[in-house]
Amino acid sequence: MQAGVLPENDSAVLENLWKMFNFYVSVFRQSEADGLSPQFVASFRRDFCAFVQKPLVAQGWDRLRAADQLGADQEEMRRRWCP
């Protein structure tokens, strides 16, 4: 695998990214329900935004979105957490 390029057939990488994005969205949903402290949410926001800025991760996000594997909650989380 070339650095920074997600191979078209690397389903394991996409599956792991999907799991990570779903983990983050679970935190986002809990934060929306006021179930978490503002400090905890701020920490996850910073971590998520740094994560999705990585070229390989951003490419995986785009591929999962194009395949309709990311939903409205993930899109809303990214829009609100990473303006």
PDB file of N, CA and C in Angstrom:
ATOM      1  N   MET A   1       0.847  -1.185   0.000  1.00  0.00           N
ATOM      2  CA  MET A   1       0.000   0.000   0.000  1.00  0.00           C
ATOM      3  C   MET A   1       0.886   1.240   0.000  1.00  0.00           C
ATOM      4  N   GLN A   2       0.620   2.140  -0.893  1.00  0.00           N
ATOM      5  CA  GLN A   2       1.345   3.397  -0.980  1.00  0.00           C
ATOM      6  C   GLN A   2       0.913   4.301   0.166  1.00  0.00           C
ATOM      7  N   ALA A   3       1.866   5.010   0.778  1.00  0.00           N
ATOM      8  CA  ALA A   3       1.545   5.880   1.903  1.00  0.00           C
ATOM      9  C   ALA A   3       0.517   6.925   1.501  1.00  0.00           C
ATOM     10  N   GLY A   4      -0.533   7.048   2.310  1.00  0.00           N
ATOM     11  CA  GLY A   4      -1.534   8.079   2.087  1.00  0.00           C
ATOM     12  C   GLY A   4      -2.554   7.757   1.009  1.00  0.00           C
ATOM     13  N   VAL A   5      -2.498   6.558   0.439  1.00  0.00           N
ATOM     14  CA  VAL A   5      -3.458   6.189  -0.598  1.00  0.00           C
ATOM     15  C   VAL A   5      -4.165   4.915  -0.167  1.00  0.00           C
ATOM     16  N   LEU A   6      -5.479   4.976  -0.155  1.00  0.00           N
ATOM     17  CA  LEU A   6      -6.272   3.818   0.231  1.00  0.00           C
ATOM     18  C   LEU A   6      -6.524   2.956  -0.998  1.00  0.00           C
ATOM     19  N   PRO A   7      -6.011   1.734  -1.010  1.00  0.00           N
ATOM     20  CA  PRO A   7      -6.239   0.861  -2.166  1.00  0.00           C
ATOM     21  C   PRO A   7      -7.725   0.577  -2.351  1.00  0.00           C
ATOM     22  N   GLU A   8      -8.139   0.464  -3.572  1.00  0.00           N
ATOM     23  CA  GLU A   8      -9.550   0.220  -3.882  1.00  0.00           C
ATOM     24  C   GLU A   8     -10.065  -1.064  -3.252  1.00  0.00           C
ATOM     25  N   ASN A   9      -9.208  -2.043  -3.069  1.00  0.00           N
ATOM     26  CA  ASN A   9      -9.652  -3.341  -2.568  1.00  0.00           C
ATOM     27  C   ASN A   9      -9.327  -3.555  -1.094  1.00  0.00           C
ATOM     28  N   ASP A  10      -8.988  -2.516  -0.372  1.00  0.00           N
ATOM     29  CA  ASP A  10      -8.616  -2.692   1.026  1.00  0.00           C
ATOM     30  C   ASP A  10      -9.841  -2.559   1.926  1.00  0.00           C
ATOM     31  N   SER A  11     -10.668  -3.581   1.916  1.00  0.00           N
ATOM     32  CA  SER A  11     -11.913  -3.558   2.670  1.00  0.00           C
ATOM     33  C   SER A  11     -11.679  -3.574   4.176  1.00  0.00           C
ATOM     34  N   ALA A  12     -10.583  -4.164   4.632  1.00  0.00           N
ATOM     35  CA  ALA A  12     -10.303  -4.191   6.069  1.00  0.00           C
ATOM     36  C   ALA A  12     -10.067  -2.782   6.602  1.00  0.00           C
ATOM     37  N   VAL A  13      -9.368  -1.963   5.846  1.00  0.00           N
ATOM     38  CA  VAL A  13      -9.129  -0.577   6.266  1.00  0.00           C
ATOM     39  C   VAL A  13     -10.458   0.168   6.331  1.00  0.00           C
ATOM     40  N   LEU A  14     -11.274   0.024   5.313  1.00  0.00           N
ATOM     41  CA  LEU A  14     -12.577   0.693   5.306  1.00  0.00           C
ATOM     42  C   LEU A  14     -13.464   0.211   6.452  1.00  0.00           C
ATOM     43  N   GLU A  15     -13.447  -1.077   6.733  1.00  0.00           N
ATOM     44  CA  GLU A  15     -14.249  -1.599   7.838  1.00  0.00           C
ATOM     45  C   GLU A  15     -13.786  -1.020   9.172  1.00  0.00           C
ATOM     46  N   ASN A  16     -12.485  -0.933   9.367  1.00  0.00           N
ATOM     47  CA  ASN A  16     -11.973  -0.364  10.614  1.00  0.00           C
ATOM     48  C   ASN A  16     -12.290   1.123  10.722  1.00  0.00           C
ATOM     49  N   LEU A  17     -12.199   1.848   9.625  1.00  0.00           N
ATOM     50  CA  LEU A  17     -12.582   3.259   9.654  1.00  0.00           C
ATOM     51  C   LEU A  17     -14.062   3.410   9.969  1.00  0.00           C
ATOM     52  N   TRP A  18     -14.897   2.569   9.371  1.00  0.00           N
ATOM     53  CA  TRP A  18     -16.330   2.600   9.645  1.00  0.00           C
ATOM     54  C   TRP A  18     -16.594   2.389  11.131  1.00  0.00           C
ATOM     55  N   LYS A  19     -15.885   1.458  11.742  1.00  0.00           N
ATOM     56  CA  LYS A  19     -16.028   1.203  13.183  1.00  0.00           C
ATOM     57  C   LYS A  19     -15.623   2.435  13.990  1.00  0.00           C
ATOM     58  N   MET A  20     -14.530   3.062  13.602  1.00  0.00           N
ATOM     59  CA  MET A  20     -14.085   4.270  14.307  1.00  0.00           C
ATOM     60  C   MET A  20     -15.113   5.386  14.174  1.00  0.00           C
ATOM     61  N   PHE A  21     -15.615   5.611  12.973  1.00  0.00           N
ATOM     62  CA  PHE A  21     -16.607   6.668  12.764  1.00  0.00           C
ATOM     63  C   PHE A  21     -17.870   6.383  13.572  1.00  0.00           C
ATOM     64  N   ASN A  22     -18.256   5.122  13.691  1.00  0.00           N
ATOM     65  CA  ASN A  22     -19.432   4.782  14.482  1.00  0.00           C
ATOM     66  C   ASN A  22     -19.169   4.938  15.970  1.00  0.00           C
ATOM     67  N   PHE A  23     -17.956   4.700  16.402  1.00  0.00           N
ATOM     68  CA  PHE A  23     -17.606   4.960  17.796  1.00  0.00           C
ATOM     69  C   PHE A  23     -17.744   6.457  18.086  1.00  0.00           C
ATOM     70  N   TYR A  24     -17.160   7.281  17.217  1.00  0.00           N
ATOM     71  CA  TYR A  24     -17.261   8.725  17.415  1.00  0.00           C
ATOM     72  C   TYR A  24     -18.713   9.194  17.389  1.00  0.00           C
ATOM     73  N   VAL A  25     -19.524   8.655  16.486  1.00  0.00           N
ATOM     74  CA  VAL A  25     -20.913   9.104  16.410  1.00  0.00           C
ATOM     75  C   VAL A  25     -21.687   8.684  17.657  1.00  0.00           C
ATOM     76  N   SER A  26     -21.299   7.608  18.302  1.00  0.00           N
ATOM     77  CA  SER A  26     -21.969   7.248  19.550  1.00  0.00           C
ATOM     78  C   SER A  26     -21.682   8.295  20.626  1.00  0.00           C
ATOM     79  N   VAL A  27     -20.468   8.812  20.652  1.00  0.00           N
ATOM     80  CA  VAL A  27     -20.125   9.888  21.589  1.00  0.00           C
ATOM     81  C   VAL A  27     -20.896  11.155  21.213  1.00  0.00           C
ATOM     82  N   PHE A  28     -20.972  11.440  19.922  1.00  0.00           N
ATOM     83  CA  PHE A  28     -21.722  12.604  19.458  1.00  0.00           C
ATOM     84  C   PHE A  28     -23.180  12.516  19.908  1.00  0.00           C
ATOM     85  N   ARG A  29     -23.798  11.373  19.734  1.00  0.00           N
ATOM     86  CA  ARG A  29     -25.201  11.197  20.125  1.00  0.00           C
ATOM     87  C   ARG A  29     -25.382  11.377  21.629  1.00  0.00           C
ATOM     88  N   GLN A  30     -24.459  10.837  22.402  1.00  0.00           N
ATOM     89  CA  GLN A  30     -24.541  11.006  23.851  1.00  0.00           C
ATOM     90  C   GLN A  30     -24.374  12.476  24.239  1.00  0.00           C
ATOM     91  N   SER A  31     -23.502  13.173  23.520  1.00  0.00           N
ATOM     92  CA  SER A  31     -23.305  14.594  23.820  1.00  0.00           C
ATOM     93  C   SER A  31     -24.562  15.394  23.486  1.00  0.00           C
ATOM     94  N   GLU A  32     -25.253  14.995  22.427  1.00  0.00           N
ATOM     95  CA  GLU A  32     -26.490  15.665  22.046  1.00  0.00           C
ATOM     96  C   GLU A  32     -27.589  15.440  23.086  1.00  0.00           C
ATOM     97  N   ALA A  33     -27.521  14.349  23.805  1.00  0.00           N
ATOM     98  CA  ALA A  33     -28.504  14.035  24.836  1.00  0.00           C
ATOM     99  C   ALA A  33     -28.062  14.564  26.204  1.00  0.00           C
ATOM    100  N   ASP A  34     -27.015  15.384  26.198  1.00  0.00           N
ATOM    101  CA  ASP A  34     -26.460  15.941  27.439  1.00  0.00           C
ATOM    102  C   ASP A  34     -26.029  14.859  28.425  1.00  0.00           C
ATOM    103  N   GLY A  35     -25.525  13.758  27.882  1.00  0.00           N
ATOM    104  CA  GLY A  35     -25.089  12.659  28.733  1.00  0.00           C
ATOM    105  C   GLY A  35     -23.609  12.676  29.065  1.00  0.00           C
ATOM    106  N   LEU A  36     -22.890  13.678  28.571  1.00  0.00           N
ATOM    107  CA  LEU A  36     -21.442  13.741  28.777  1.00  0.00           C
ATOM    108  C   LEU A  36     -21.033  15.143  29.204  1.00  0.00           C
ATOM    109  N   SER A  37     -19.933  15.215  29.905  1.00  0.00           N
ATOM    110  CA  SER A  37     -19.452  16.526  30.335  1.00  0.00           C
ATOM    111  C   SER A  37     -18.910  17.306  29.140  1.00  0.00           C
ATOM    112  N   PRO A  38     -18.999  18.623  29.190  1.00  0.00           N
ATOM    113  CA  PRO A  38     -18.459  19.440  28.093  1.00  0.00           C
ATOM    114  C   PRO A  38     -16.967  19.203  27.856  1.00  0.00           C
ATOM    115  N   GLN A  39     -16.217  18.949  28.915  1.00  0.00           N
ATOM    116  CA  GLN A  39     -14.777  18.696  28.767  1.00  0.00           C
ATOM    117  C   GLN A  39     -14.523  17.389  28.011  1.00  0.00           C
ATOM    118  N   PHE A  40     -15.305  16.377  28.319  1.00  0.00           N
ATOM    119  CA  PHE A  40     -15.166  15.092  27.635  1.00  0.00           C
ATOM    120  C   PHE A  40     -15.496  15.244  26.154  1.00  0.00           C
ATOM    121  N   VAL A  41     -16.590  15.933  25.862  1.00  0.00           N
ATOM    122  CA  VAL A  41     -17.005  16.147  24.474  1.00  0.00           C
ATOM    123  C   VAL A  41     -15.942  16.954  23.725  1.00  0.00           C
ATOM    124  N   ALA A  42     -15.411  17.998  24.343  1.00  0.00           N
ATOM    125  CA  ALA A  42     -14.382  18.825  23.699  1.00  0.00           C
ATOM    126  C   ALA A  42     -13.157  17.988  23.338  1.00  0.00           C
ATOM    127  N   SER A  43     -12.796  17.074  24.216  1.00  0.00           N
ATOM    128  CA  SER A  43     -11.651  16.197  23.952  1.00  0.00           C
ATOM    129  C   SER A  43     -11.915  15.313  22.740  1.00  0.00           C
ATOM    130  N   PHE A  44     -13.118  14.742  22.663  1.00  0.00           N
ATOM    131  CA  PHE A  44     -13.461  13.890  21.527  1.00  0.00           C
ATOM    132  C   PHE A  44     -13.572  14.696  20.236  1.00  0.00           C
ATOM    133  N   ARG A  45     -14.078  15.913  20.328  1.00  0.00           N
ATOM    134  CA  ARG A  45     -14.160  16.772  19.139  1.00  0.00           C
ATOM    135  C   ARG A  45     -12.772  16.996  18.552  1.00  0.00           C
ATOM    136  N   ARG A  46     -11.830  17.368  19.419  1.00  0.00           N
ATOM    137  CA  ARG A  46     -10.454  17.615  18.949  1.00  0.00           C
ATOM    138  C   ARG A  46      -9.867  16.361  18.321  1.00  0.00           C
ATOM    139  N   ASP A  47     -10.060  15.235  18.983  1.00  0.00           N
ATOM    140  CA  ASP A  47      -9.515  13.979  18.486  1.00  0.00           C
ATOM    141  C   ASP A  47     -10.134  13.602  17.142  1.00  0.00           C
ATOM    142  N   PHE A  48     -11.463  13.702  17.051  1.00  0.00           N
ATOM    143  CA  PHE A  48     -12.143  13.348  15.803  1.00  0.00           C
ATOM    144  C   PHE A  48     -11.688  14.245  14.652  1.00  0.00           C
ATOM    145  N   CYS A  49     -11.638  15.543  14.884  1.00  0.00           N
ATOM    146  CA  CYS A  49     -11.258  16.466  13.806  1.00  0.00           C
ATOM    147  C   CYS A  49      -9.822  16.235  13.344  1.00  0.00           C
ATOM    148  N   ALA A  50      -8.938  15.952  14.269  1.00  0.00           N
ATOM    149  CA  ALA A  50      -7.554  15.638  13.886  1.00  0.00           C
ATOM    150  C   ALA A  50      -7.515  14.328  13.101  1.00  0.00           C
ATOM    151  N   PHE A  51      -8.321  13.371  13.509  1.00  0.00           N
ATOM    152  CA  PHE A  51      -8.364  12.066  12.842  1.00  0.00           C
ATOM    153  C   PHE A  51      -8.846  12.192  11.405  1.00  0.00           C
ATOM    154  N   VAL A  52      -9.971  12.893  11.190  1.00  0.00           N
ATOM    155  CA  VAL A  52     -10.525  12.967   9.831  1.00  0.00           C
ATOM    156  C   VAL A  52      -9.733  13.895   8.913  1.00  0.00           C
ATOM    157  N   GLN A  53      -8.784  14.634   9.454  1.00  0.00           N
ATOM    158  CA  GLN A  53      -7.928  15.473   8.610  1.00  0.00           C
ATOM    159  C   GLN A  53      -6.767  14.689   8.016  1.00  0.00           C
ATOM    160  N   LYS A  54      -6.510  13.517   8.541  1.00  0.00           N
ATOM    161  CA  LYS A  54      -5.435  12.683   7.991  1.00  0.00           C
ATOM    162  C   LYS A  54      -5.850  12.238   6.584  1.00  0.00           C
ATOM    163  N   PRO A  55      -4.957  12.331   5.611  1.00  0.00           N
ATOM    164  CA  PRO A  55      -5.326  12.031   4.222  1.00  0.00           C
ATOM    165  C   PRO A  55      -5.962  10.653   4.021  1.00  0.00           C
ATOM    166  N   LEU A  56      -5.410   9.623   4.619  1.00  0.00           N
ATOM    167  CA  LEU A  56      -5.953   8.275   4.453  1.00  0.00           C
ATOM    168  C   LEU A  56      -7.354   8.172   5.055  1.00  0.00           C
ATOM    169  N   VAL A  57      -7.556   8.802   6.188  1.00  0.00           N
ATOM    170  CA  VAL A  57      -8.858   8.772   6.855  1.00  0.00           C
ATOM    171  C   VAL A  57      -9.882   9.573   6.054  1.00  0.00           C
ATOM    172  N   ALA A  58      -9.478  10.749   5.587  1.00  0.00           N
ATOM    173  CA  ALA A  58     -10.381  11.576   4.768  1.00  0.00           C
ATOM    174  C   ALA A  58     -10.797  10.834   3.505  1.00  0.00           C
ATOM    175  N   GLN A  59      -9.859  10.129   2.900  1.00  0.00           N
ATOM    176  CA  GLN A  59     -10.175   9.351   1.710  1.00  0.00           C
ATOM    177  C   GLN A  59     -11.152   8.221   2.053  1.00  0.00           C
ATOM    178  N   GLY A  60     -10.945   7.571   3.190  1.00  0.00           N
ATOM    179  CA  GLY A  60     -11.854   6.522   3.624  1.00  0.00           C
ATOM    180  C   GLY A  60     -13.241   7.069   3.911  1.00  0.00           C
ATOM    181  N   TRP A  61     -13.300   8.255   4.544  1.00  0.00           N
ATOM    182  CA  TRP A  61     -14.597   8.895   4.803  1.00  0.00           C
ATOM    183  C   TRP A  61     -15.346   9.106   3.486  1.00  0.00           C
ATOM    184  N   ASP A  62     -14.647   9.648   2.501  1.00  0.00           N
ATOM    185  CA  ASP A  62     -15.276   9.919   1.205  1.00  0.00           C
ATOM    186  C   ASP A  62     -15.772   8.639   0.538  1.00  0.00           C
ATOM    187  N   ARG A  63     -14.989   7.585   0.638  1.00  0.00           N
ATOM    188  CA  ARG A  63     -15.406   6.316   0.020  1.00  0.00           C
ATOM    189  C   ARG A  63     -16.594   5.704   0.742  1.00  0.00           C
ATOM    190  N   LEU A  64     -16.599   5.763   2.063  1.00  0.00           N
ATOM    191  CA  LEU A  64     -17.730   5.229   2.821  1.00  0.00           C
ATOM    192  C   LEU A  64     -18.986   6.060   2.575  1.00  0.00           C
ATOM    193  N   ARG A  65     -18.830   7.353   2.485  1.00  0.00           N
ATOM    194  CA  ARG A  65     -19.978   8.220   2.204  1.00  0.00           C
ATOM    195  C   ARG A  65     -20.530   7.929   0.813  1.00  0.00           C
ATOM    196  N   ALA A  66     -19.650   7.767  -0.165  1.00  0.00           N
ATOM    197  CA  ALA A  66     -20.073   7.476  -1.535  1.00  0.00           C
ATOM    198  C   ALA A  66     -20.800   6.134  -1.623  1.00  0.00           C
ATOM    199  N   ALA A  67     -20.453   5.219  -0.738  1.00  0.00           N
ATOM    200  CA  ALA A  67     -21.089   3.898  -0.706  1.00  0.00           C
ATOM    201  C   ALA A  67     -22.304   3.878   0.229  1.00  0.00           C
ATOM    202  N   ASP A  68     -22.733   5.042   0.682  1.00  0.00           N
ATOM    203  CA  ASP A  68     -23.878   5.168   1.603  1.00  0.00           C
ATOM    204  C   ASP A  68     -23.700   4.364   2.885  1.00  0.00           C
ATOM    205  N   GLN A  69     -22.466   4.301   3.374  1.00  0.00           N
ATOM    206  CA  GLN A  69     -22.202   3.597   4.624  1.00  0.00           C
ATOM    207  C   GLN A  69     -22.062   4.552   5.807  1.00  0.00           C
ATOM    208  N   LEU A  70     -22.140   5.839   5.542  1.00  0.00           N
ATOM    209  CA  LEU A  70     -22.179   6.837   6.603  1.00  0.00           C
ATOM    210  C   LEU A  70     -23.529   7.524   6.510  1.00  0.00           C
ATOM    211  N   GLY A  71     -24.123   7.752   7.657  1.00  0.00           N
ATOM    212  CA  GLY A  71     -25.452   8.332   7.669  1.00  0.00           C
ATOM    213  C   GLY A  71     -25.466   9.802   8.017  1.00  0.00           C
ATOM    214  N   ALA A  72     -26.671  10.293   8.179  1.00  0.00           N
ATOM    215  CA  ALA A  72     -26.876  11.704   8.484  1.00  0.00           C
ATOM    216  C   ALA A  72     -26.222  12.103   9.802  1.00  0.00           C
ATOM    217  N   ASP A  73     -26.220  11.205  10.782  1.00  0.00           N
ATOM    218  CA  ASP A  73     -25.598  11.545  12.068  1.00  0.00           C
ATOM    219  C   ASP A  73     -24.094  11.765  11.932  1.00  0.00           C
ATOM    220  N   GLN A  74     -23.431  10.928  11.151  1.00  0.00           N
ATOM    221  CA  GLN A  74     -21.993  11.121  10.940  1.00  0.00           C
ATOM    222  C   GLN A  74     -21.723  12.440  10.224  1.00  0.00           C
ATOM    223  N   GLU A  75     -22.532  12.733   9.221  1.00  0.00           N
ATOM    224  CA  GLU A  75     -22.361  13.996   8.480  1.00  0.00           C
ATOM    225  C   GLU A  75     -22.592  15.192   9.397  1.00  0.00           C
ATOM    226  N   GLU A  76     -23.637  15.123  10.223  1.00  0.00           N
ATOM    227  CA  GLU A  76     -23.934  16.211  11.150  1.00  0.00           C
ATOM    228  C   GLU A  76     -22.821  16.364  12.173  1.00  0.00           C
ATOM    229  N   MET A  77     -22.304  15.251  12.673  1.00  0.00           N
ATOM    230  CA  MET A  77     -21.200  15.300  13.627  1.00  0.00           C
ATOM    231  C   MET A  77     -19.996  16.012  13.018  1.00  0.00           C
ATOM    232  N   ARG A  78     -19.635  15.639  11.816  1.00  0.00           N
ATOM    233  CA  ARG A  78     -18.468  16.265  11.193  1.00  0.00           C
ATOM    234  C   ARG A  78     -18.720  17.748  10.923  1.00  0.00           C
ATOM    235  N   ARG A  79     -19.917  18.077  10.481  1.00  0.00           N
ATOM    236  CA  ARG A  79     -20.246  19.474  10.210  1.00  0.00           C
ATOM    237  C   ARG A  79     -20.175  20.318  11.469  1.00  0.00           C
ATOM    238  N   ARG A  80     -20.698  19.786  12.563  1.00  0.00           N
ATOM    239  CA  ARG A  80     -20.758  20.573  13.796  1.00  0.00           C
ATOM    240  C   ARG A  80     -19.470  20.518  14.593  1.00  0.00           C
ATOM    241  N   TRP A  81     -18.786  19.406  14.563  1.00  0.00           N
ATOM    242  CA  TRP A  81     -17.570  19.286  15.356  1.00  0.00           C
ATOM    243  C   TRP A  81     -16.348  19.834  14.659  1.00  0.00           C
ATOM    244  N   CYS A  82     -16.349  19.872  13.349  1.00  0.00           N
ATOM    245  CA  CYS A  82     -15.156  20.311  12.600  1.00  0.00           C
ATOM    246  C   CYS A  82     -15.542  21.402  11.618  1.00  0.00           C
ATOM    247  N   PRO A  83     -15.932  22.570  12.129  1.00  0.00           N
ATOM    248  CA  PRO A  83     -16.383  23.651  11.213  1.00  0.00           C
ATOM    249  C   PRO A  83     -15.267  24.163  10.311  1.00  0.00           C
TER     250      PRO A  83
END
